[in-house]
Amino acid sequence: MKRTNCQTAVSRPSCYTHSISTSQNCEVNPPKNSAPPLITPVREIDEKLLVDAEEQMAVESQVIVHCTVQIGIFGGRIRIWPSTYLFDLDSDHRSALVHAEGVSMYPTWTDLWPFQSIEFTLIFEGLPKTCVSFDLKEVIPQAGGMHIKGIPRNTTDVYKVVC
């Protein structure tokens, strides 16, 4: 290491090459001319682990549906039943409702004023990769359940619907 005369300020403990207030001897490290070589490790992953990880990702996938409902002149009430599903139109698969945000769940009602709109979010279990379109349907023992037909699948699995 080379020693050089440099100036430092009282409030700054490190060494500077320009004059500030008092002189002292300090060490200057020479610049390094080359970076150490990068080492790229070779990783081998067991095929079974890859298959298990892919299956787990399919299980943990979600479909998010943002819903908007506009209420008419007389006002109304709204709620979502836990028996609301996404039905794959090309198979027997159905994705169950996992969570609802911004709307009441059966048996509780959300009251709405005339001409009020409500926006809420429904989160469902993931759809199969082969799904191209699906229906959103409340399976309930009375008339008036929500049913939105033929929603085309997208790559993000996030949807906006108007009911």
Protein backbone atom coordinates (compact mmCIF):
# COMPACT_ATOMS: atom_id res chain seq x y z
CA MET A 1 0.00 0.00 0.00
CA LYS A 2 1.15 3.49 -0.81
CA ARG A 3 1.05 6.20 1.82
CA THR A 4 0.21 9.72 0.77
CA ASN A 5 -0.40 13.05 2.43
CA CYS A 6 -4.07 14.03 2.31
CA GLN A 7 -6.40 16.39 4.05
CA THR A 8 -9.36 15.43 6.26
CA ALA A 9 -12.07 17.39 7.97
CA VAL A 10 -12.73 17.01 11.66
CA SER A 11 -16.29 15.84 10.99
CA ARG A 12 -15.24 13.32 8.34
CA PRO A 13 -13.17 10.36 9.48
CA SER A 14 -12.31 9.08 6.01
CA CYS A 15 -9.42 10.16 3.84
CA TYR A 16 -9.90 12.67 0.97
CA THR A 17 -7.47 13.81 -1.72
CA HIS A 18 -8.48 17.48 -1.58
CA SER A 19 -7.73 20.05 1.13
CA ILE A 20 -10.28 20.59 3.85
CA SER A 21 -8.63 21.42 7.16
CA THR A 22 -5.79 19.28 8.64
CA SER A 23 -3.13 17.00 7.18
CA GLN A 24 -2.49 13.43 8.12
CA ASN A 25 -0.98 10.30 6.61
CA CYS A 26 -3.57 7.88 5.27
CA GLU A 27 -3.55 4.68 3.25
CA VAL A 28 -4.72 4.59 -0.33
CA ASN A 29 -5.61 1.22 -1.77
CA PRO A 30 -4.55 0.74 -5.37
CA PRO A 31 -7.44 0.04 -7.79
CA LYS A 32 -8.02 -3.55 -8.72
CA ASN A 33 -7.42 -4.15 -12.41
CA SER A 34 -9.61 -7.19 -12.83
CA ALA A 35 -12.67 -8.67 -11.20
CA PRO A 36 -12.53 -12.20 -9.88
CA PRO A 37 -13.85 -14.75 -12.39
CA LEU A 38 -17.56 -15.56 -12.14
CA ILE A 39 -18.33 -19.14 -11.24
CA THR A 40 -21.59 -20.53 -12.50
CA PRO A 41 -22.62 -23.64 -10.59
CA VAL A 42 -24.13 -26.54 -12.49
CA ARG A 43 -27.37 -27.58 -10.86
CA GLU A 44 -29.11 -30.81 -11.54
CA ILE A 45 -32.72 -31.00 -10.36
CA ASP A 46 -34.43 -34.32 -9.95
CA GLU A 47 -37.22 -34.74 -12.54
CA LYS A 48 -39.66 -35.86 -9.82
CA LEU A 49 -39.08 -32.59 -7.94
CA LEU A 50 -39.86 -30.61 -11.10
CA VAL A 51 -43.10 -32.54 -11.64
CA ASP A 52 -44.10 -32.09 -7.98
CA ALA A 53 -43.37 -28.35 -8.17
CA GLU A 54 -45.49 -27.98 -11.31
CA GLU A 55 -48.39 -29.83 -9.68
CA GLN A 56 -48.10 -27.65 -6.57
CA MET A 57 -48.18 -24.48 -8.72
CA ALA A 58 -51.35 -25.71 -10.38
CA VAL A 59 -52.93 -26.34 -6.97
CA GLU A 60 -51.92 -22.91 -5.68
CA SER A 61 -53.07 -20.93 -8.71
CA GLN A 62 -55.99 -18.54 -8.32
CA VAL A 63 -58.54 -16.82 -10.50
CA ILE A 64 -59.57 -13.30 -9.52
CA VAL A 65 -62.87 -11.85 -10.69
CA HIS A 66 -63.63 -8.16 -10.10
CA CYS A 67 -67.41 -7.69 -10.25
CA THR A 68 -69.51 -4.56 -10.65
CA VAL A 69 -73.25 -4.62 -9.95
CA GLN A 70 -75.45 -1.59 -10.74
CA ILE A 71 -78.68 -1.42 -8.72
CA GLY A 72 -81.85 -0.02 -10.26
CA ILE A 73 -84.39 2.60 -9.20
CA PHE A 74 -85.72 0.68 -6.20
CA GLY A 75 -82.41 -0.17 -4.54
CA GLY A 76 -81.71 -3.71 -3.48
CA ARG A 77 -79.62 -6.17 -1.56
CA ILE A 78 -76.75 -8.38 -2.57
CA ARG A 79 -74.78 -11.29 -1.13
CA ILE A 80 -72.58 -14.07 -2.45
CA TRP A 81 -73.13 -17.71 -1.64
CA PRO A 82 -70.18 -19.94 -0.78
CA SER A 83 -71.55 -22.29 -3.45
CA THR A 84 -70.32 -19.97 -6.23
CA TYR A 85 -68.06 -21.68 -8.79
CA LEU A 86 -66.19 -21.26 -12.03
CA PHE A 87 -67.18 -24.04 -14.45
CA ASP A 88 -64.70 -25.00 -17.19
CA LEU A 89 -66.78 -25.28 -20.37
CA ASP A 90 -64.54 -28.00 -21.86
CA SER A 91 -64.38 -30.36 -18.88
CA ASP A 92 -66.15 -31.31 -15.65
CA HIS A 93 -63.79 -29.14 -13.61
CA ARG A 94 -65.18 -26.52 -11.26
CA SER A 95 -63.15 -24.06 -9.21
CA ALA A 96 -64.55 -23.23 -5.79
CA LEU A 97 -64.84 -19.78 -4.29
CA VAL A 98 -62.00 -19.21 -1.83
CA HIS A 99 -62.66 -15.64 -0.68
CA ALA A 100 -64.98 -12.69 -1.32
CA GLU A 101 -63.95 -9.10 -0.62
CA GLY A 102 -66.29 -6.09 -0.55
CA VAL A 103 -69.58 -8.02 -0.46
CA SER A 104 -71.48 -10.00 2.18
CA MET A 105 -71.47 -13.78 2.23
CA TYR A 106 -74.69 -15.78 2.70
CA PRO A 107 -76.70 -15.46 4.96
CA THR A 108 -75.85 -11.75 5.49
CA TRP A 109 -77.08 -9.13 3.00
CA THR A 110 -75.44 -5.90 1.80
CA ASP A 111 -78.12 -3.20 1.37
CA LEU A 112 -77.80 -0.84 -1.60
CA TRP A 113 -79.43 2.51 -2.35
CA PRO A 114 -81.27 3.22 -5.62
CA PHE A 115 -78.83 3.56 -8.54
CA GLN A 116 -75.91 2.60 -6.32
CA SER A 117 -73.23 0.38 -7.79
CA ILE A 118 -71.08 -2.01 -5.82
CA GLU A 119 -67.70 -3.39 -6.75
CA PHE A 120 -66.36 -6.54 -5.14
CA THR A 121 -63.73 -9.17 -5.75
CA LEU A 122 -64.11 -12.95 -5.83
CA ILE A 123 -61.11 -15.25 -5.56
CA PHE A 124 -61.42 -18.81 -6.85
CA GLU A 125 -59.26 -21.91 -7.02
CA GLY A 126 -57.25 -22.12 -10.23
CA LEU A 127 -58.63 -23.38 -13.53
CA PRO A 128 -56.96 -26.18 -15.50
CA LYS A 129 -54.35 -25.10 -18.05
CA THR A 130 -56.53 -26.52 -20.83
CA CYS A 131 -59.47 -24.25 -19.97
CA VAL A 132 -60.34 -21.81 -22.77
CA SER A 133 -63.57 -20.32 -21.37
CA PHE A 134 -65.70 -20.72 -18.26
CA ASP A 135 -68.96 -19.76 -16.57
CA LEU A 136 -69.25 -18.03 -13.19
CA LYS A 137 -72.33 -19.34 -11.41
CA GLU A 138 -73.90 -19.24 -7.97
CA VAL A 139 -75.37 -22.67 -7.31
CA ILE A 140 -78.19 -21.79 -4.92
CA PRO A 141 -81.59 -23.25 -3.91
CA GLN A 142 -83.55 -20.19 -5.07
CA ALA A 143 -83.98 -17.99 -8.13
CA GLY A 144 -81.83 -14.95 -8.81
CA GLY A 145 -78.33 -16.39 -8.51
CA MET A 146 -75.52 -14.77 -10.43
CA HIS A 147 -74.64 -16.52 -13.71
CA ILE A 148 -72.18 -15.08 -16.21
CA LYS A 149 -71.71 -17.29 -19.25
CA GLY A 150 -68.75 -17.84 -21.54
CA ILE A 151 -65.99 -15.77 -19.96
CA PRO A 152 -62.94 -16.15 -22.24
CA ARG A 153 -59.77 -17.21 -20.44
CA ASN A 154 -56.79 -14.85 -20.43
CA THR A 155 -53.15 -15.32 -19.42
CA THR A 156 -53.39 -13.36 -16.16
CA ASP A 157 -56.52 -15.08 -14.75
CA VAL A 158 -57.77 -11.68 -13.59
CA TYR A 159 -61.19 -10.65 -14.93
CA LYS A 160 -63.66 -7.76 -14.76
CA VAL A 161 -67.36 -8.52 -15.14
CA VAL A 162 -70.52 -6.47 -14.91
CA CYS A 163 -73.48 -8.29 -13.40
